[in-house]
Amino acid sequence: MRKKSERTALVILFLINLFVLLWSVFGYGIYYEVNDDAAMQAILTGAYGESSPFIVYGNIIYGYMLSLLYQIPGNQWNWMVVIHYLMMFVGFNAIGYVLVRKKGSRKGS
């Protein structure tokens, strides 16, 4: 019985996070466009000569991943924003999963 209620809570959590993600992207229009984001995107896309994964205030692995994504031919996506949304979605689901599992492990619940 407890496993079924945990599974239901996790499905509801996932759907709520999916709704918030879709609302943010299509309805509310949150975007990441401060001055350092434009400079980092220019470094990644090669606007200063050649594409470089060495972005300011960023991990090198994150920089390599973004650098590869920006080198896709015919690319029109702002991959920094896409990755930020994806990381927030996965993070919120991970936090919710931990909270649901923690609540279900208490004695007498």
N, C-alpha and C. Protein backbone atom coordinates (compact mmCIF):
# COMPACT_ATOMS: atom_id res chain seq x y z
N MET A 1 0.83 -1.20 0.00
CA MET A 1 0.00 0.00 0.00
C MET A 1 0.87 1.25 0.00
N ARG A 2 1.94 1.23 0.81
CA ARG A 2 2.80 2.40 0.89
C ARG A 2 3.54 2.65 -0.42
N LYS A 3 3.94 1.59 -1.12
CA LYS A 3 4.64 1.74 -2.40
C LYS A 3 3.74 2.40 -3.43
N LYS A 4 2.45 2.03 -3.41
CA LYS A 4 1.51 2.62 -4.37
C LYS A 4 1.32 4.11 -4.09
N SER A 5 1.23 4.49 -2.81
CA SER A 5 1.06 5.91 -2.48
C SER A 5 2.33 6.70 -2.81
N GLU A 6 3.51 6.08 -2.62
CA GLU A 6 4.76 6.74 -3.01
C GLU A 6 4.81 6.94 -4.52
N ARG A 7 4.43 5.92 -5.25
CA ARG A 7 4.44 6.00 -6.71
C ARG A 7 3.47 7.08 -7.19
N THR A 8 2.30 7.16 -6.59
CA THR A 8 1.33 8.20 -6.94
C THR A 8 1.89 9.58 -6.64
N ALA A 9 2.51 9.73 -5.47
CA ALA A 9 3.11 11.02 -5.11
C ALA A 9 4.21 11.41 -6.08
N LEU A 10 5.03 10.45 -6.51
CA LEU A 10 6.11 10.75 -7.45
C LEU A 10 5.57 11.13 -8.83
N VAL A 11 4.50 10.48 -9.27
CA VAL A 11 3.89 10.83 -10.55
C VAL A 11 3.31 12.24 -10.49
N ILE A 12 2.63 12.55 -9.40
CA ILE A 12 2.06 13.89 -9.23
C ILE A 12 3.18 14.93 -9.19
N LEU A 13 4.25 14.64 -8.46
CA LEU A 13 5.40 15.53 -8.39
C LEU A 13 5.99 15.78 -9.78
N PHE A 14 6.17 14.71 -10.55
CA PHE A 14 6.72 14.84 -11.90
C PHE A 14 5.81 15.69 -12.78
N LEU A 15 4.51 15.47 -12.69
CA LEU A 15 3.57 16.24 -13.51
C LEU A 15 3.55 17.72 -13.11
N ILE A 16 3.64 18.00 -11.82
CA ILE A 16 3.69 19.40 -11.37
C ILE A 16 4.95 20.07 -11.90
N ASN A 17 6.09 19.38 -11.78
CA ASN A 17 7.34 19.95 -12.29
C ASN A 17 7.31 20.11 -13.81
N LEU A 18 6.69 19.18 -14.50
CA LEU A 18 6.56 19.31 -15.95
C LEU A 18 5.68 20.51 -16.31
N PHE A 19 4.60 20.70 -15.57
CA PHE A 19 3.73 21.87 -15.80
C PHE A 19 4.50 23.17 -15.56
N VAL A 20 5.26 23.24 -14.47
CA VAL A 20 6.03 24.45 -14.18
C VAL A 20 7.07 24.69 -15.27
N LEU A 21 7.71 23.63 -15.73
CA LEU A 21 8.69 23.77 -16.81
C LEU A 21 8.05 24.30 -18.08
N LEU A 22 6.93 23.71 -18.49
CA LEU A 22 6.25 24.14 -19.71
C LEU A 22 5.70 25.56 -19.57
N TRP A 23 5.19 25.88 -18.40
CA TRP A 23 4.68 27.24 -18.16
C TRP A 23 5.82 28.25 -18.22
N SER A 24 6.97 27.89 -17.66
CA SER A 24 8.12 28.79 -17.69
C SER A 24 8.60 29.03 -19.11
N VAL A 25 8.65 27.97 -19.90
CA VAL A 25 9.18 28.09 -21.25
C VAL A 25 8.20 28.79 -22.18
N PHE A 26 6.93 28.38 -22.16
CA PHE A 26 5.98 28.87 -23.16
C PHE A 26 5.06 29.98 -22.65
N GLY A 27 4.75 29.98 -21.39
CA GLY A 27 3.77 30.94 -20.89
C GLY A 27 4.38 32.18 -20.28
N TYR A 28 5.32 31.99 -19.40
CA TYR A 28 5.86 33.10 -18.64
C TYR A 28 7.05 33.75 -19.33
N GLY A 29 7.83 32.98 -20.04
CA GLY A 29 8.95 33.51 -20.80
C GLY A 29 10.16 33.88 -19.98
N ILE A 30 10.53 33.05 -19.02
CA ILE A 30 11.76 33.29 -18.26
C ILE A 30 12.94 33.06 -19.20
N TYR A 31 13.92 33.92 -19.12
CA TYR A 31 15.11 33.73 -19.93
C TYR A 31 16.33 34.20 -19.16
N TYR A 32 17.47 33.70 -19.54
CA TYR A 32 18.73 34.05 -18.91
C TYR A 32 19.51 34.93 -19.89
N GLU A 33 19.45 36.20 -19.71
CA GLU A 33 20.13 37.12 -20.61
C GLU A 33 20.70 38.29 -19.84
N VAL A 34 21.65 38.04 -18.98
CA VAL A 34 22.38 39.13 -18.35
C VAL A 34 23.69 39.29 -19.11
N ASN A 35 24.43 40.33 -18.83
CA ASN A 35 25.59 40.65 -19.66
C ASN A 35 26.65 39.55 -19.70
N ASP A 36 26.87 38.83 -18.60
CA ASP A 36 27.89 37.78 -18.65
C ASP A 36 27.42 36.56 -19.44
N ASP A 37 26.11 36.31 -19.51
CA ASP A 37 25.61 35.21 -20.33
C ASP A 37 25.89 35.46 -21.80
N ALA A 38 25.72 36.69 -22.25
CA ALA A 38 26.01 37.02 -23.65
C ALA A 38 27.49 36.83 -23.95
N ALA A 39 28.35 37.21 -23.02
CA ALA A 39 29.79 37.03 -23.23
C ALA A 39 30.17 35.55 -23.25
N MET A 40 29.59 34.76 -22.35
CA MET A 40 29.88 33.32 -22.33
C MET A 40 29.39 32.65 -23.60
N GLN A 41 28.21 33.05 -24.08
CA GLN A 41 27.69 32.47 -25.31
C GLN A 41 28.57 32.85 -26.50
N ALA A 42 29.11 34.07 -26.51
CA ALA A 42 30.01 34.49 -27.58
C ALA A 42 31.29 33.67 -27.57
N ILE A 43 31.81 33.37 -26.38
CA ILE A 43 33.00 32.53 -26.27
C ILE A 43 32.71 31.13 -26.80
N LEU A 44 31.57 30.58 -26.42
CA LEU A 44 31.21 29.21 -26.82
C LEU A 44 30.94 29.09 -28.32
N THR A 45 30.34 30.11 -28.91
CA THR A 45 29.97 30.03 -30.33
C THR A 45 31.11 30.42 -31.25
N GLY A 46 32.17 31.00 -30.71
CA GLY A 46 33.29 31.38 -31.54
C GLY A 46 33.18 32.77 -32.10
N ALA A 47 32.45 33.65 -31.47
CA ALA A 47 32.29 35.02 -31.96
C ALA A 47 33.60 35.80 -31.88
N TYR A 48 34.50 35.38 -31.00
CA TYR A 48 35.80 36.07 -30.87
C TYR A 48 36.89 35.37 -31.66
N GLY A 49 36.55 34.57 -32.61
CA GLY A 49 37.54 33.90 -33.44
C GLY A 49 37.30 32.40 -33.51
N GLU A 50 37.49 31.72 -32.41
CA GLU A 50 37.31 30.27 -32.42
C GLU A 50 36.55 29.85 -31.17
N SER A 51 35.74 28.82 -31.31
CA SER A 51 34.92 28.33 -30.20
C SER A 51 35.83 27.79 -29.09
N SER A 52 35.49 28.13 -27.85
CA SER A 52 36.29 27.69 -26.72
C SER A 52 35.37 27.22 -25.59
N PRO A 53 35.70 26.09 -24.97
CA PRO A 53 34.91 25.61 -23.83
C PRO A 53 35.29 26.28 -22.51
N PHE A 54 36.29 27.15 -22.52
CA PHE A 54 36.76 27.80 -21.30
C PHE A 54 35.93 29.04 -21.03
N ILE A 55 34.76 28.83 -20.44
CA ILE A 55 33.84 29.93 -20.18
C ILE A 55 34.10 30.50 -18.79
N VAL A 56 33.71 31.74 -18.63
CA VAL A 56 33.91 32.42 -17.35
C VAL A 56 32.91 31.88 -16.34
N TYR A 57 33.37 31.59 -15.14
CA TYR A 57 32.53 31.10 -14.04
C TYR A 57 31.81 29.80 -14.38
N GLY A 58 32.41 28.97 -15.19
CA GLY A 58 31.75 27.72 -15.54
C GLY A 58 32.71 26.55 -15.48
N ASN A 59 32.18 25.39 -15.22
CA ASN A 59 32.95 24.17 -15.19
C ASN A 59 33.39 23.82 -16.61
N ILE A 60 34.57 23.23 -16.74
CA ILE A 60 35.11 22.90 -18.05
C ILE A 60 34.27 21.81 -18.74
N ILE A 61 33.73 20.88 -17.97
CA ILE A 61 32.88 19.83 -18.55
C ILE A 61 31.61 20.46 -19.12
N TYR A 62 31.02 21.37 -18.37
CA TYR A 62 29.84 22.12 -18.83
C TYR A 62 30.20 22.92 -20.09
N GLY A 63 31.37 23.53 -20.09
CA GLY A 63 31.82 24.30 -21.24
C GLY A 63 32.01 23.43 -22.48
N TYR A 64 32.61 22.26 -22.33
CA TYR A 64 32.79 21.35 -23.47
C TYR A 64 31.43 20.90 -24.02
N MET A 65 30.51 20.57 -23.12
CA MET A 65 29.18 20.13 -23.55
C MET A 65 28.48 21.24 -24.35
N LEU A 66 28.50 22.45 -23.81
CA LEU A 66 27.86 23.57 -24.51
C LEU A 66 28.57 23.90 -25.82
N SER A 67 29.89 23.83 -25.81
CA SER A 67 30.66 24.11 -27.01
C SER A 67 30.29 23.15 -28.14
N LEU A 68 30.14 21.88 -27.80
CA LEU A 68 29.73 20.89 -28.80
C LEU A 68 28.31 21.15 -29.31
N LEU A 69 27.42 21.53 -28.41
CA LEU A 69 26.04 21.79 -28.82
C LEU A 69 25.95 23.02 -29.72
N TYR A 70 26.75 24.04 -29.44
CA TYR A 70 26.72 25.25 -30.27
C TYR A 70 27.36 25.03 -31.64
N GLN A 71 28.13 23.96 -31.82
CA GLN A 71 28.77 23.70 -33.10
C GLN A 71 27.90 22.87 -34.05
N ILE A 72 26.69 22.53 -33.64
CA ILE A 72 25.77 21.80 -34.51
C ILE A 72 25.41 22.70 -35.69
N PRO A 73 25.57 22.19 -36.92
CA PRO A 73 25.26 23.03 -38.10
C PRO A 73 23.78 23.45 -38.13
N GLY A 74 23.54 24.69 -38.49
CA GLY A 74 22.18 25.21 -38.57
C GLY A 74 21.53 25.43 -37.21
N ASN A 75 22.34 25.53 -36.18
CA ASN A 75 21.86 25.65 -34.81
C ASN A 75 21.26 27.04 -34.57
N GLN A 76 20.04 27.09 -34.06
CA GLN A 76 19.39 28.35 -33.71
C GLN A 76 18.96 28.39 -32.25
N TRP A 77 19.36 27.41 -31.47
CA TRP A 77 18.95 27.30 -30.07
C TRP A 77 19.92 28.03 -29.16
N ASN A 78 19.40 28.58 -28.09
CA ASN A 78 20.23 29.11 -27.02
C ASN A 78 20.42 27.97 -26.02
N TRP A 79 21.49 27.21 -26.19
CA TRP A 79 21.68 25.99 -25.42
C TRP A 79 21.91 26.27 -23.94
N MET A 80 22.42 27.44 -23.60
CA MET A 80 22.60 27.74 -22.18
C MET A 80 21.27 27.76 -21.45
N VAL A 81 20.26 28.35 -22.07
CA VAL A 81 18.93 28.41 -21.46
C VAL A 81 18.31 27.01 -21.40
N VAL A 82 18.47 26.24 -22.46
CA VAL A 82 17.91 24.88 -22.49
C VAL A 82 18.52 24.03 -21.38
N ILE A 83 19.84 24.11 -21.23
CA ILE A 83 20.51 23.32 -20.19
C ILE A 83 20.10 23.80 -18.79
N HIS A 84 19.93 25.10 -18.61
CA HIS A 84 19.48 25.62 -17.31
C HIS A 84 18.09 25.08 -16.96
N TYR A 85 17.17 25.12 -17.92
CA TYR A 85 15.83 24.59 -17.68
C TYR A 85 15.89 23.09 -17.36
N LEU A 86 16.68 22.37 -18.11
CA LEU A 86 16.80 20.93 -17.89
C LEU A 86 17.37 20.63 -16.50
N MET A 87 18.39 21.38 -16.10
CA MET A 87 18.98 21.16 -14.78
C MET A 87 18.00 21.51 -13.66
N MET A 88 17.21 22.56 -13.84
CA MET A 88 16.21 22.90 -12.82
C MET A 88 15.14 21.81 -12.73
N PHE A 89 14.68 21.30 -13.87
CA PHE A 89 13.66 20.26 -13.89
C PHE A 89 14.16 19.00 -13.19
N VAL A 90 15.36 18.56 -13.54
CA VAL A 90 15.93 17.36 -12.92
C VAL A 90 16.17 17.60 -11.43
N GLY A 91 16.67 18.78 -11.08
CA GLY A 91 16.93 19.08 -9.67
C GLY A 91 15.67 19.10 -8.82
N PHE A 92 14.61 19.74 -9.32
CA PHE A 92 13.36 19.77 -8.56
C PHE A 92 12.77 18.37 -8.41
N ASN A 93 12.87 17.54 -9.45
CA ASN A 93 12.38 16.18 -9.33
C ASN A 93 13.22 15.37 -8.35
N ALA A 94 14.53 15.58 -8.33
CA ALA A 94 15.39 14.85 -7.39
C ALA A 94 15.08 15.25 -5.95
N ILE A 95 14.91 16.55 -5.71
CA ILE A 95 14.57 17.00 -4.36
C ILE A 95 13.21 16.44 -3.93
N GLY A 96 12.24 16.49 -4.82
CA GLY A 96 10.92 15.94 -4.51
C GLY A 96 10.96 14.45 -4.25
N TYR A 97 11.76 13.72 -5.03
CA TYR A 97 11.90 12.28 -4.84
C TYR A 97 12.45 11.98 -3.46
N VAL A 98 13.49 12.70 -3.07
CA VAL A 98 14.09 12.48 -1.75
C VAL A 98 13.08 12.78 -0.65
N LEU A 99 12.31 13.88 -0.80
CA LEU A 99 11.32 14.22 0.23
C LEU A 99 10.21 13.19 0.31
N VAL A 100 9.74 12.69 -0.82
CA VAL A 100 8.69 11.66 -0.81
C VAL A 100 9.20 10.39 -0.17
N ARG A 101 10.42 9.99 -0.53
CA ARG A 101 10.98 8.76 0.05
C ARG A 101 11.25 8.93 1.55
N LYS A 102 11.68 10.10 1.96
CA LYS A 102 11.97 10.35 3.38
C LYS A 102 10.69 10.32 4.21
N LYS A 103 9.63 10.93 3.69
CA LYS A 103 8.36 10.94 4.41
C LYS A 103 7.80 9.54 4.53
N GLY A 104 7.95 8.73 3.51
CA GLY A 104 7.41 7.37 3.52
C GLY A 104 8.17 6.43 4.43
N SER A 105 9.37 6.81 4.85
CA SER A 105 10.17 5.90 5.67
C SER A 105 9.94 6.06 7.17
N ARG A 106 9.13 7.04 7.56
CA ARG A 106 8.86 7.24 8.99
C ARG A 106 7.99 6.14 9.55
N LYS A 107 8.22 5.80 10.78
CA LYS A 107 7.39 4.79 11.45
C LYS A 107 6.00 5.36 11.73
N GLY A 108 5.00 4.57 11.48
CA GLY A 108 3.64 4.98 11.79
C GLY A 108 2.98 5.85 10.73
N SER A 109 3.63 6.03 9.60
CA SER A 109 2.99 6.85 8.56
C SER A 109 2.35 5.98 7.51
